[in-house]
Amino acid sequence: MKMKKFITGKWRFVSYPLLALLGLFFLPITIGVLLIWFANKKVGNKKIRYSLIGVLGLITLFFGGAYVAALVSPSPDKEPEVEITQKVSGLTAPSPTPTWTPTTAPNNPDILLVKVARVIDGDTIEIEGGQRVRYIGIDTPELGQNADCYAREAYEKNKELVGNEIVGLEKDVSETDRYGRLLRYVYMGDLLINDVLVREGYANASSYPPDVKYQERFRGAEREARENSRGLWASCGVQGAATSQPTITFAPTKPATISNTPAPTQAPAPQQQSGSGSYVCNCKKTCTQISSCAEAQYQLNVCGCTERDRDNDGIACDGAPLSCQY
């Protein structure tokens, strides 16, 4: 009686919404109860009615019980997600360092990490702050208005290797060259970029005392590139150049007089003779078109072809492929 008053009396404004919420919350049970009520009201045959009510009751108990059990028990799918998240976070947390982290640089306290601002050419870069860095022990073809053979390729390769990256700089003996550029070996991770450029045929070995720490390594790399016709050794018609002797000559007794030596030794008269009798001034010829260092020096000193000496050291065509040294 009290329940009937609660449902139909003045409390009906509270009881109806409450029953609706309970019905929605226990929806399978609500559906089962409604079906049982409908069968009890509409089925006239008692035998069929009671059988139907029994079947509906069993179904309601089965699905209603499963539904309630699922509501009160924790979801089995959530625990693996937590475990997976923990495992993933455990794997990723210890590796905040970039993949380029040097493996050799930390063992050498003299190596300094810097950011590359831009690539100048195949063997020169500019770091943040505006300081330029010249790679020690190598020389790439000259890049300019009348670029030498393979100069553009050397520049692009250098840019690919170190452009906008953080690199390690290792000093040998000299701090700078005559133009104020830092003289350094350049590392990208555990790669010595100087060696990579020579070994892949983008540069030739060109060491000047006293900075000769890796000269034998670079000469071996050049020999390997030349014998396998890599890069400029295949593209610039110089595969056979220096096959009987190294491309680079060294003057260990006069390391500080490189800039002063060209004048007394350059282009002696007997060396100026070619098959046609003498050299002809032609400033349009590039270093890749000149047949010998003597002719290159003649073009510079006699003809005034300054394009033969873009680094202004008094030595004509000292880059690949001729790699002239005096």
C-alpha atoms as a PDB file:
ATOM      1  CA  MET A   1       0.000   0.000   0.000  1.00  0.00           C
ATOM      2  CA  LYS A   2       2.811   2.343   0.930  1.00  0.00           C
ATOM      3  CA  MET A   3       4.618   1.450  -2.304  1.00  0.00           C
ATOM      4  CA  LYS A   4       1.458   2.216  -4.298  1.00  0.00           C
ATOM      5  CA  LYS A   5       1.165   5.621  -2.605  1.00  0.00           C
ATOM      6  CA  PHE A   6       4.831   6.275  -3.323  1.00  0.00           C
ATOM      7  CA  ILE A   7       4.258   5.570  -7.010  1.00  0.00           C
ATOM      8  CA  THR A   8       0.836   7.126  -7.529  1.00  0.00           C
ATOM      9  CA  GLY A   9       0.631   9.668  -4.731  1.00  0.00           C
ATOM     10  CA  LYS A  10       2.248  13.029  -4.250  1.00  0.00           C
ATOM     11  CA  TRP A  11       5.689  11.446  -4.528  1.00  0.00           C
ATOM     12  CA  ARG A  12       5.094  10.423  -8.119  1.00  0.00           C
ATOM     13  CA  PHE A  13       7.120  13.415  -9.389  1.00  0.00           C
ATOM     14  CA  VAL A  14      10.104  11.881  -7.629  1.00  0.00           C
ATOM     15  CA  SER A  15       9.324   8.214  -8.113  1.00  0.00           C
ATOM     16  CA  TYR A  16       8.761   8.333 -11.882  1.00  0.00           C
ATOM     17  CA  PRO A  17      12.142   9.892 -12.771  1.00  0.00           C
ATOM     18  CA  LEU A  18      13.859   7.597 -10.275  1.00  0.00           C
ATOM     19  CA  LEU A  19      12.253   4.500 -11.763  1.00  0.00           C
ATOM     20  CA  ALA A  20      13.134   5.711 -15.269  1.00  0.00           C
ATOM     21  CA  LEU A  21      16.789   6.137 -14.294  1.00  0.00           C
ATOM     22  CA  LEU A  22      16.883   2.706 -12.677  1.00  0.00           C
ATOM     23  CA  GLY A  23      15.230   1.244 -15.754  1.00  0.00           C
ATOM     24  CA  LEU A  24      17.819   2.775 -18.035  1.00  0.00           C
ATOM     25  CA  PHE A  25      20.682   1.760 -15.787  1.00  0.00           C
ATOM     26  CA  PHE A  26      19.490  -1.840 -15.631  1.00  0.00           C
ATOM     27  CA  LEU A  27      18.139  -1.854 -19.178  1.00  0.00           C
ATOM     28  CA  PRO A  28      18.298  -5.647 -19.843  1.00  0.00           C
ATOM     29  CA  ILE A  29      16.408  -6.337 -16.602  1.00  0.00           C
ATOM     30  CA  THR A  30      13.883  -3.615 -17.408  1.00  0.00           C
ATOM     31  CA  ILE A  31      13.230  -5.105 -20.831  1.00  0.00           C
ATOM     32  CA  GLY A  32      12.781  -8.567 -19.318  1.00  0.00           C
ATOM     33  CA  VAL A  33      10.331  -7.317 -16.681  1.00  0.00           C
ATOM     34  CA  LEU A  34       8.284  -5.481 -19.302  1.00  0.00           C
ATOM     35  CA  LEU A  35       8.115  -8.602 -21.479  1.00  0.00           C
ATOM     36  CA  ILE A  36       6.977 -10.699 -18.505  1.00  0.00           C
ATOM     37  CA  TRP A  37       4.300  -8.110 -17.658  1.00  0.00           C
ATOM     38  CA  PHE A  38       3.125  -8.043 -21.277  1.00  0.00           C
ATOM     39  CA  ALA A  39       2.902 -11.872 -21.393  1.00  0.00           C
ATOM     40  CA  ASN A  40       0.957 -11.960 -18.128  1.00  0.00           C
ATOM     41  CA  LYS A  41      -1.567  -9.422 -19.417  1.00  0.00           C
ATOM     42  CA  LYS A  42      -2.016 -10.494 -23.021  1.00  0.00           C
ATOM     43  CA  VAL A  43      -1.654 -14.300 -23.052  1.00  0.00           C
ATOM     44  CA  GLY A  44      -4.948 -15.920 -22.071  1.00  0.00           C
ATOM     45  CA  ASN A  45      -3.923 -19.584 -21.956  1.00  0.00           C
ATOM     46  CA  LYS A  46      -2.519 -20.163 -18.482  1.00  0.00           C
ATOM     47  CA  LYS A  47      -0.241 -23.006 -19.530  1.00  0.00           C
ATOM     48  CA  ILE A  48       1.317 -20.980 -22.327  1.00  0.00           C
ATOM     49  CA  ARG A  49       1.397 -17.854 -20.176  1.00  0.00           C
ATOM     50  CA  TYR A  50       3.295 -19.487 -17.309  1.00  0.00           C
ATOM     51  CA  SER A  51       5.694 -21.234 -19.677  1.00  0.00           C
ATOM     52  CA  LEU A  52       6.413 -17.972 -21.453  1.00  0.00           C
ATOM     53  CA  ILE A  53       6.867 -16.122 -18.150  1.00  0.00           C
ATOM     54  CA  GLY A  54       9.307 -18.815 -16.988  1.00  0.00           C
ATOM     55  CA  VAL A  55      11.382 -18.647 -20.145  1.00  0.00           C
ATOM     56  CA  LEU A  56      11.438 -14.848 -20.083  1.00  0.00           C
ATOM     57  CA  GLY A  57      12.412 -14.898 -16.425  1.00  0.00           C
ATOM     58  CA  LEU A  58      15.374 -17.201 -17.064  1.00  0.00           C
ATOM     59  CA  ILE A  59      16.540 -15.074 -19.989  1.00  0.00           C
ATOM     60  CA  THR A  60      16.171 -11.916 -17.915  1.00  0.00           C
ATOM     61  CA  LEU A  61      18.151 -13.426 -15.034  1.00  0.00           C
ATOM     62  CA  PHE A  62      20.942 -14.590 -17.364  1.00  0.00           C
ATOM     63  CA  PHE A  63      21.438 -11.376 -19.300  1.00  0.00           C
ATOM     64  CA  GLY A  64      20.620  -9.128 -16.344  1.00  0.00           C
ATOM     65  CA  GLY A  65      23.131 -10.915 -14.150  1.00  0.00           C
ATOM     66  CA  ALA A  66      25.832 -10.684 -16.812  1.00  0.00           C
ATOM     67  CA  TYR A  67      25.077  -7.004 -17.281  1.00  0.00           C
ATOM     68  CA  VAL A  68      25.277  -6.239 -13.555  1.00  0.00           C
ATOM     69  CA  ALA A  69      28.506  -8.257 -13.235  1.00  0.00           C
ATOM     70  CA  ALA A  70      30.040  -6.266 -16.071  1.00  0.00           C
ATOM     71  CA  LEU A  71      29.059  -3.011 -14.372  1.00  0.00           C
ATOM     72  CA  VAL A  72      30.588  -3.809 -10.994  1.00  0.00           C
ATOM     73  CA  SER A  73      33.758  -5.596 -12.192  1.00  0.00           C
ATOM     74  CA  PRO A  74      36.806  -3.658 -13.600  1.00  0.00           C
ATOM     75  CA  SER A  75      37.196  -3.685 -17.345  1.00  0.00           C
ATOM     76  CA  PRO A  76      39.741  -6.343 -18.417  1.00  0.00           C
ATOM     77  CA  ASP A  77      40.749  -4.245 -21.431  1.00  0.00           C
ATOM     78  CA  LYS A  78      42.072  -1.339 -19.384  1.00  0.00           C
ATOM     79  CA  GLU A  79      44.874  -3.158 -17.550  1.00  0.00           C
ATOM     80  CA  PRO A  80      46.836  -4.149 -20.689  1.00  0.00           C
ATOM     81  CA  GLU A  81      46.579  -0.570 -21.918  1.00  0.00           C
ATOM     82  CA  VAL A  82      48.268   0.645 -18.726  1.00  0.00           C
ATOM     83  CA  GLU A  83      50.981  -1.992 -19.043  1.00  0.00           C
ATOM     84  CA  ILE A  84      51.615  -1.150 -22.679  1.00  0.00           C
ATOM     85  CA  THR A  85      51.774   2.546 -21.867  1.00  0.00           C
ATOM     86  CA  GLN A  86      54.260   1.889 -19.099  1.00  0.00           C
ATOM     87  CA  LYS A  87      56.413  -0.246 -21.356  1.00  0.00           C
ATOM     88  CA  VAL A  88      56.394   2.299 -24.174  1.00  0.00           C
ATOM     89  CA  SER A  89      57.194   5.160 -21.816  1.00  0.00           C
ATOM     90  CA  GLY A  90      59.940   3.072 -20.294  1.00  0.00           C
ATOM     91  CA  LEU A  91      61.489   2.568 -23.715  1.00  0.00           C
ATOM     92  CA  THR A  92      61.238   6.130 -24.939  1.00  0.00           C
ATOM     93  CA  ALA A  93      62.112   8.020 -21.753  1.00  0.00           C
ATOM     94  CA  PRO A  94      65.873   7.245 -21.663  1.00  0.00           C
ATOM     95  CA  SER A  95      66.546   8.411 -25.251  1.00  0.00           C
ATOM     96  CA  PRO A  96      66.182  12.204 -25.431  1.00  0.00           C
ATOM     97  CA  THR A  97      69.554  12.622 -27.140  1.00  0.00           C
ATOM     98  CA  PRO A  98      69.670  13.093 -30.945  1.00  0.00           C
ATOM     99  CA  THR A  99      70.737  10.213 -33.161  1.00  0.00           C
ATOM    100  CA  TRP A 100      73.837  12.051 -34.392  1.00  0.00           C
ATOM    101  CA  THR A 101      75.473  11.949 -30.940  1.00  0.00           C
ATOM    102  CA  PRO A 102      79.215  11.475 -31.585  1.00  0.00           C
ATOM    103  CA  THR A 103      80.802   8.201 -30.534  1.00  0.00           C
ATOM    104  CA  THR A 104      84.366   9.432 -30.940  1.00  0.00           C
ATOM    105  CA  ALA A 105      84.118  13.095 -29.967  1.00  0.00           C
ATOM    106  CA  PRO A 106      83.526  12.555 -26.209  1.00  0.00           C
ATOM    107  CA  ASN A 107      86.830  10.653 -25.992  1.00  0.00           C
ATOM    108  CA  ASN A 108      88.712  13.716 -27.209  1.00  0.00           C
ATOM    109  CA  PRO A 109      88.448  16.780 -24.961  1.00  0.00           C
ATOM    110  CA  ASP A 110      89.763  18.976 -27.788  1.00  0.00           C
ATOM    111  CA  ILE A 111      86.667  18.439 -29.962  1.00  0.00           C
ATOM    112  CA  LEU A 112      84.199  21.320 -29.882  1.00  0.00           C
ATOM    113  CA  LEU A 113      80.550  20.943 -30.922  1.00  0.00           C
ATOM    114  CA  VAL A 114      79.224  23.799 -33.059  1.00  0.00           C
ATOM    115  CA  LYS A 115      76.203  24.545 -35.252  1.00  0.00           C
ATOM    116  CA  VAL A 116      76.713  24.856 -39.012  1.00  0.00           C
ATOM    117  CA  ALA A 117      75.144  28.091 -40.279  1.00  0.00           C
ATOM    118  CA  ARG A 118      75.790  27.474 -43.990  1.00  0.00           C
ATOM    119  CA  VAL A 119      77.990  25.540 -46.388  1.00  0.00           C
ATOM    120  CA  ILE A 120      80.378  27.663 -48.464  1.00  0.00           C
ATOM    121  CA  ASP A 121      81.775  24.996 -50.801  1.00  0.00           C
ATOM    122  CA  GLY A 122      83.014  21.430 -50.759  1.00  0.00           C
ATOM    123  CA  ASP A 123      85.664  21.996 -48.084  1.00  0.00           C
ATOM    124  CA  THR A 124      84.543  25.131 -46.225  1.00  0.00           C
ATOM    125  CA  ILE A 125      81.641  25.846 -43.873  1.00  0.00           C
ATOM    126  CA  GLU A 126      80.464  28.786 -41.804  1.00  0.00           C
ATOM    127  CA  ILE A 127      79.426  28.184 -38.204  1.00  0.00           C
ATOM    128  CA  GLU A 128      77.135  30.228 -35.978  1.00  0.00           C
ATOM    129  CA  GLY A 129      78.828  33.502 -35.144  1.00  0.00           C
ATOM    130  CA  GLY A 130      80.116  33.991 -38.691  1.00  0.00           C
ATOM    131  CA  GLN A 131      83.453  32.144 -38.338  1.00  0.00           C
ATOM    132  CA  ARG A 132      84.472  30.090 -41.371  1.00  0.00           C
ATOM    133  CA  VAL A 133      86.036  26.650 -41.061  1.00  0.00           C
ATOM    134  CA  ARG A 134      88.381  25.156 -43.671  1.00  0.00           C
ATOM    135  CA  TYR A 135      88.628  21.362 -43.689  1.00  0.00           C
ATOM    136  CA  ILE A 136      92.188  20.185 -42.981  1.00  0.00           C
ATOM    137  CA  GLY A 137      93.959  17.787 -45.305  1.00  0.00           C
ATOM    138  CA  ILE A 138      91.608  17.851 -48.286  1.00  0.00           C
ATOM    139  CA  ASP A 139      90.890  20.019 -51.304  1.00  0.00           C
ATOM    140  CA  THR A 140      87.744  20.050 -53.430  1.00  0.00           C
ATOM    141  CA  PRO A 141      87.336  21.542 -56.939  1.00  0.00           C
ATOM    142  CA  GLU A 142      86.960  25.328 -56.953  1.00  0.00           C
ATOM    143  CA  LEU A 143      83.395  26.632 -56.911  1.00  0.00           C
ATOM    144  CA  GLY A 144      82.732  29.951 -58.644  1.00  0.00           C
ATOM    145  CA  GLN A 145      81.463  31.584 -61.814  1.00  0.00           C
ATOM    146  CA  ASN A 146      83.574  29.218 -63.910  1.00  0.00           C
ATOM    147  CA  ALA A 147      83.379  26.290 -61.509  1.00  0.00           C
ATOM    148  CA  ASP A 148      85.836  23.429 -61.889  1.00  0.00           C
ATOM    149  CA  CYS A 149      84.662  19.949 -62.759  1.00  0.00           C
ATOM    150  CA  TYR A 150      82.780  18.327 -59.875  1.00  0.00           C
ATOM    151  CA  ALA A 151      82.799  21.505 -57.755  1.00  0.00           C
ATOM    152  CA  ARG A 152      79.003  21.650 -57.578  1.00  0.00           C
ATOM    153  CA  GLU A 153      78.770  17.963 -56.660  1.00  0.00           C
ATOM    154  CA  ALA A 154      81.331  18.427 -53.878  1.00  0.00           C
ATOM    155  CA  TYR A 155      79.386  21.393 -52.513  1.00  0.00           C
ATOM    156  CA  GLU A 156      76.094  19.477 -52.574  1.00  0.00           C
ATOM    157  CA  LYS A 157      77.670  16.466 -50.845  1.00  0.00           C
ATOM    158  CA  ASN A 158      79.166  18.636 -48.114  1.00  0.00           C
ATOM    159  CA  LYS A 159      75.780  20.318 -47.657  1.00  0.00           C
ATOM    160  CA  GLU A 160      74.074  16.938 -47.455  1.00  0.00           C
ATOM    161  CA  LEU A 161      76.494  15.766 -44.771  1.00  0.00           C
ATOM    162  CA  VAL A 162      76.698  18.802 -42.470  1.00  0.00           C
ATOM    163  CA  GLY A 163      74.187  21.446 -43.619  1.00  0.00           C
ATOM    164  CA  ASN A 164      72.388  22.994 -40.596  1.00  0.00           C
ATOM    165  CA  GLU A 165      73.734  20.231 -38.362  1.00  0.00           C
ATOM    166  CA  ILE A 166      75.756  20.190 -35.150  1.00  0.00           C
ATOM    167  CA  VAL A 167      79.286  19.018 -35.913  1.00  0.00           C
ATOM    168  CA  GLY A 168      82.451  18.386 -33.948  1.00  0.00           C
ATOM    169  CA  LEU A 169      85.618  20.357 -34.720  1.00  0.00           C
ATOM    170  CA  GLU A 170      89.072  18.930 -34.001  1.00  0.00           C
ATOM    171  CA  LYS A 171      92.175  21.094 -34.162  1.00  0.00           C
ATOM    172  CA  ASP A 172      95.532  19.777 -35.389  1.00  0.00           C
ATOM    173  CA  VAL A 173      98.410  22.254 -34.906  1.00  0.00           C
ATOM    174  CA  SER A 174      97.498  25.463 -36.710  1.00  0.00           C
ATOM    175  CA  GLU A 175      94.633  27.601 -35.460  1.00  0.00           C
ATOM    176  CA  THR A 176      93.773  29.441 -38.689  1.00  0.00           C
ATOM    177  CA  ASP A 177      94.982  29.831 -42.259  1.00  0.00           C
ATOM    178  CA  ARG A 178      96.196  33.079 -43.829  1.00  0.00           C
ATOM    179  CA  TYR A 179      92.603  34.124 -44.508  1.00  0.00           C
ATOM    180  CA  GLY A 180      91.523  33.781 -40.876  1.00  0.00           C
ATOM    181  CA  ARG A 181      89.562  30.575 -41.415  1.00  0.00           C
ATOM    182  CA  LEU A 182      89.688  27.974 -38.656  1.00  0.00           C
ATOM    183  CA  LEU A 183      91.606  24.867 -39.721  1.00  0.00           C
ATOM    184  CA  ARG A 184      89.763  21.835 -38.405  1.00  0.00           C
ATOM    185  CA  TYR A 185      88.874  18.200 -38.881  1.00  0.00           C
ATOM    186  CA  VAL A 186      85.066  18.028 -39.000  1.00  0.00           C
ATOM    187  CA  TYR A 187      83.025  15.217 -37.459  1.00  0.00           C
ATOM    188  CA  MET A 188      79.381  14.293 -37.918  1.00  0.00           C
ATOM    189  CA  GLY A 189      78.734  11.701 -35.243  1.00  0.00           C
ATOM    190  CA  ASP A 190      81.539   9.174 -35.638  1.00  0.00           C
ATOM    191  CA  LEU A 191      82.170  10.137 -39.279  1.00  0.00           C
ATOM    192  CA  LEU A 192      85.232  12.188 -40.153  1.00  0.00           C
ATOM    193  CA  ILE A 193      83.765  14.300 -42.943  1.00  0.00           C
ATOM    194  CA  ASN A 194      87.194  15.136 -44.382  1.00  0.00           C
ATOM    195  CA  ASP A 195      87.789  11.423 -44.953  1.00  0.00           C
ATOM    196  CA  VAL A 196      84.294  10.800 -46.352  1.00  0.00           C
ATOM    197  CA  LEU A 197      84.683  13.506 -49.011  1.00  0.00           C
ATOM    198  CA  VAL A 198      88.027  12.102 -50.175  1.00  0.00           C
ATOM    199  CA  ARG A 199      86.987   8.450 -50.013  1.00  0.00           C
ATOM    200  CA  GLU A 200      83.844   9.044 -52.088  1.00  0.00           C
ATOM    201  CA  GLY A 201      85.691  11.032 -54.749  1.00  0.00           C
ATOM    202  CA  TYR A 202      84.524  14.561 -53.938  1.00  0.00           C
ATOM    203  CA  ALA A 203      87.960  15.805 -52.856  1.00  0.00           C
ATOM    204  CA  ASN A 204      91.620  14.940 -53.107  1.00  0.00           C
ATOM    205  CA  ALA A 205      94.073  14.608 -50.218  1.00  0.00           C
ATOM    206  CA  SER A 206      96.068  17.792 -49.738  1.00  0.00           C
ATOM    207  CA  SER A 207      97.942  18.061 -46.441  1.00  0.00           C
ATOM    208  CA  TYR A 208     100.279  20.893 -45.460  1.00  0.00           C
ATOM    209  CA  PRO A 209     102.675  20.595 -42.523  1.00  0.00           C
ATOM    210  CA  PRO A 210     102.373  20.948 -39.615  1.00  0.00           C
ATOM    211  CA  ASP A 211      98.709  19.849 -39.908  1.00  0.00           C
ATOM    212  CA  VAL A 212      99.327  16.275 -41.053  1.00  0.00           C
ATOM    213  CA  LYS A 213      97.716  14.164 -38.326  1.00  0.00           C
ATOM    214  CA  TYR A 214      95.566  12.165 -40.757  1.00  0.00           C
ATOM    215  CA  GLN A 215      97.566  12.645 -43.964  1.00  0.00           C
ATOM    216  CA  GLU A 216      98.218   8.920 -44.485  1.00  0.00           C
ATOM    217  CA  ARG A 217      94.560   8.140 -43.895  1.00  0.00           C
ATOM    218  CA  PHE A 218      93.490  10.731 -46.462  1.00  0.00           C
ATOM    219  CA  ARG A 219      96.062   9.569 -49.006  1.00  0.00           C
ATOM    220  CA  GLY A 220      94.798   6.008 -48.620  1.00  0.00           C
ATOM    221  CA  ALA A 221      91.222   7.235 -49.062  1.00  0.00           C
ATOM    222  CA  GLU A 222      92.206   9.088 -52.240  1.00  0.00           C
ATOM    223  CA  ARG A 223      93.975   6.025 -53.585  1.00  0.00           C
ATOM    224  CA  GLU A 224      90.843   3.955 -52.959  1.00  0.00           C
ATOM    225  CA  ALA A 225      88.604   6.508 -54.694  1.00  0.00           C
ATOM    226  CA  ARG A 226      90.962   6.814 -57.651  1.00  0.00           C
ATOM    227  CA  GLU A 227      91.361   3.057 -58.130  1.00  0.00           C
ATOM    228  CA  ASN A 228      87.572   2.602 -58.013  1.00  0.00           C
ATOM    229  CA  SER A 229      86.895   5.619 -60.287  1.00  0.00           C
ATOM    230  CA  ARG A 230      84.661   7.386 -57.814  1.00  0.00           C
ATOM    231  CA  GLY A 231      83.369  10.916 -58.162  1.00  0.00           C
ATOM    232  CA  LEU A 232      85.740  13.356 -59.831  1.00  0.00           C
ATOM    233  CA  TRP A 233      88.168  10.567 -60.716  1.00  0.00           C
ATOM    234  CA  ALA A 234      85.540   9.196 -63.112  1.00  0.00           C
ATOM    235  CA  SER A 235      83.756  12.379 -64.175  1.00  0.00           C
ATOM    236  CA  CYS A 236      86.632  14.780 -64.759  1.00  0.00           C
ATOM    237  CA  GLY A 237      88.856  12.718 -67.019  1.00  0.00           C
ATOM    238  CA  VAL A 238      91.539  12.215 -64.383  1.00  0.00           C
ATOM    239  CA  GLN A 239      91.185   8.534 -63.592  1.00  0.00           C
ATOM    240  CA  GLY A 240      94.807   7.917 -64.442  1.00  0.00           C
ATOM    241  CA  ALA A 241      96.162  11.001 -62.744  1.00  0.00           C
ATOM    242  CA  ALA A 242      98.763  10.237 -60.107  1.00  0.00           C
ATOM    243  CA  THR A 243      98.413   6.484 -60.493  1.00  0.00           C
ATOM    244  CA  SER A 244     102.153   6.027 -60.303  1.00  0.00           C
ATOM    245  CA  GLN A 245     102.702   8.469 -57.429  1.00  0.00           C
ATOM    246  CA  PRO A 246     100.577  10.373 -54.887  1.00  0.00           C
ATOM    247  CA  THR A 247      98.761  13.487 -56.019  1.00  0.00           C
ATOM    248  CA  ILE A 248     100.034  15.550 -53.086  1.00  0.00           C
ATOM    249  CA  THR A 249     103.608  16.618 -52.498  1.00  0.00           C
ATOM    250  CA  PHE A 250     104.790  17.701 -49.069  1.00  0.00           C
ATOM    251  CA  ALA A 251     107.417  20.175 -47.968  1.00  0.00           C
ATOM    252  CA  PRO A 252     107.918  19.323 -44.265  1.00  0.00           C
ATOM    253  CA  THR A 253     111.048  21.424 -43.939  1.00  0.00           C
ATOM    254  CA  LYS A 254     109.267  24.689 -44.800  1.00  0.00           C
ATOM    255  CA  PRO A 255     105.772  24.533 -43.301  1.00  0.00           C
ATOM    256  CA  ALA A 256     105.435  28.272 -42.821  1.00  0.00           C
ATOM    257  CA  THR A 257     106.642  29.459 -46.219  1.00  0.00           C
ATOM    258  CA  ILE A 258     103.968  27.995 -48.474  1.00  0.00           C
ATOM    259  CA  SER A 259     102.747  31.409 -49.539  1.00  0.00           C
ATOM    260  CA  ASN A 260     106.239  32.655 -50.373  1.00  0.00           C
ATOM    261  CA  THR A 261     107.518  29.678 -52.356  1.00  0.00           C
ATOM    262  CA  PRO A 262     105.618  30.101 -55.665  1.00  0.00           C
ATOM    263  CA  ALA A 263     107.574  33.122 -56.892  1.00  0.00           C
ATOM    264  CA  PRO A 264     111.066  31.590 -57.155  1.00  0.00           C
ATOM    265  CA  THR A 265     109.888  28.157 -58.346  1.00  0.00           C
ATOM    266  CA  GLN A 266     106.927  28.822 -60.566  1.00  0.00           C
ATOM    267  CA  ALA A 267     106.853  27.968 -64.249  1.00  0.00           C
ATOM    268  CA  PRO A 268     110.543  27.774 -65.199  1.00  0.00           C
ATOM    269  CA  ALA A 269     111.236  28.280 -68.897  1.00  0.00           C
ATOM    270  CA  PRO A 270     111.920  24.611 -69.752  1.00  0.00           C
ATOM    271  CA  GLN A 271     108.584  23.572 -68.232  1.00  0.00           C
ATOM    272  CA  GLN A 272     106.624  26.094 -70.266  1.00  0.00           C
ATOM    273  CA  GLN A 273     107.204  24.160 -73.429  1.00  0.00           C
ATOM    274  CA  SER A 274     104.398  21.992 -74.685  1.00  0.00           C
ATOM    275  CA  GLY A 275     104.025  19.827 -77.689  1.00  0.00           C
ATOM    276  CA  SER A 276     103.277  22.890 -79.798  1.00  0.00           C
ATOM    277  CA  GLY A 277     106.393  24.782 -78.640  1.00  0.00           C
ATOM    278  CA  SER A 278     105.007  27.163 -75.956  1.00  0.00           C
ATOM    279  CA  TYR A 279     101.898  27.842 -73.877  1.00  0.00           C
ATOM    280  CA  VAL A 280      99.247  30.214 -75.196  1.00  0.00           C
ATOM    281  CA  CYS A 281      97.387  32.650 -72.960  1.00  0.00           C
ATOM    282  CA  ASN A 282      93.751  31.637 -72.692  1.00  0.00           C
ATOM    283  CA  CYS A 283      91.992  32.740 -69.510  1.00  0.00           C
ATOM    284  CA  LYS A 284      88.791  30.968 -70.558  1.00  0.00           C
ATOM    285  CA  LYS A 285      90.367  27.584 -69.910  1.00  0.00           C
ATOM    286  CA  THR A 286      89.509  26.026 -66.542  1.00  0.00           C
ATOM    287  CA  CYS A 287      91.797  23.915 -64.386  1.00  0.00           C
ATOM    288  CA  THR A 288      90.104  20.791 -65.730  1.00  0.00           C
ATOM    289  CA  GLN A 289      91.035  21.823 -69.283  1.00  0.00           C
ATOM    290  CA  ILE A 290      94.685  22.618 -68.518  1.00  0.00           C
ATOM    291  CA  SER A 291      97.055  19.746 -69.136  1.00  0.00           C
ATOM    292  CA  SER A 292      99.748  20.409 -66.519  1.00  0.00           C
ATOM    293  CA  CYS A 293     100.609  22.424 -63.427  1.00  0.00           C
ATOM    294  CA  ALA A 294     103.322  24.240 -65.383  1.00  0.00           C
ATOM    295  CA  GLU A 295     100.764  25.485 -67.891  1.00  0.00           C
ATOM    296  CA  ALA A 296      98.421  26.503 -65.066  1.00  0.00           C
ATOM    297  CA  GLN A 297     101.167  28.521 -63.378  1.00  0.00           C
ATOM    298  CA  TYR A 298     102.065  30.101 -66.742  1.00  0.00           C
ATOM    299  CA  GLN A 299      98.439  31.168 -67.219  1.00  0.00           C
ATOM    300  CA  LEU A 300      98.476  32.753 -63.752  1.00  0.00           C
ATOM    301  CA  ASN A 301     101.881  34.470 -63.726  1.00  0.00           C
ATOM    302  CA  VAL A 302     102.408  35.361 -67.383  1.00  0.00           C
ATOM    303  CA  CYS A 303      98.856  35.766 -68.647  1.00  0.00           C
ATOM    304  CA  GLY A 304      97.323  37.158 -65.457  1.00  0.00           C
ATOM    305  CA  CYS A 305      94.498  34.601 -65.361  1.00  0.00           C
ATOM    306  CA  THR A 306      93.565  35.074 -61.701  1.00  0.00           C
ATOM    307  CA  GLU A 307      90.730  32.559 -61.998  1.00  0.00           C
ATOM    308  CA  ARG A 308      93.436  29.904 -61.759  1.00  0.00           C
ATOM    309  CA  ASP A 309      94.100  30.998 -58.152  1.00  0.00           C
ATOM    310  CA  ARG A 310      90.762  31.627 -56.453  1.00  0.00           C
ATOM    311  CA  ASP A 311      92.174  31.217 -52.927  1.00  0.00           C
ATOM    312  CA  ASN A 312      94.931  33.794 -53.656  1.00  0.00           C
ATOM    313  CA  ASP A 313      97.797  31.677 -52.345  1.00  0.00           C
ATOM    314  CA  GLY A 314      99.982  32.150 -55.442  1.00  0.00           C
ATOM    315  CA  ILE A 315      99.540  28.540 -56.557  1.00  0.00           C
ATOM    316  CA  ALA A 316      97.503  27.910 -59.688  1.00  0.00           C
ATOM    317  CA  CYS A 317      95.006  25.042 -59.819  1.00  0.00           C
ATOM    318  CA  ASP A 318      95.875  23.673 -56.388  1.00  0.00           C
ATOM    319  CA  GLY A 319      92.478  21.983 -56.213  1.00  0.00           C
ATOM    320  CA  ALA A 320      91.370  18.762 -57.854  1.00  0.00           C
ATOM    321  CA  PRO A 321      92.025  17.406 -60.398  1.00  0.00           C
ATOM    322  CA  LEU A 322      95.525  18.900 -60.935  1.00  0.00           C
ATOM    323  CA  SER A 323      96.257  19.553 -57.227  1.00  0.00           C
ATOM    324  CA  CYS A 324      99.312  21.615 -58.064  1.00  0.00           C
ATOM    325  CA  GLN A 325     101.833  22.256 -55.279  1.00  0.00           C
ATOM    326  CA  TYR A 326     105.026  24.319 -55.372  1.00  0.00           C
END
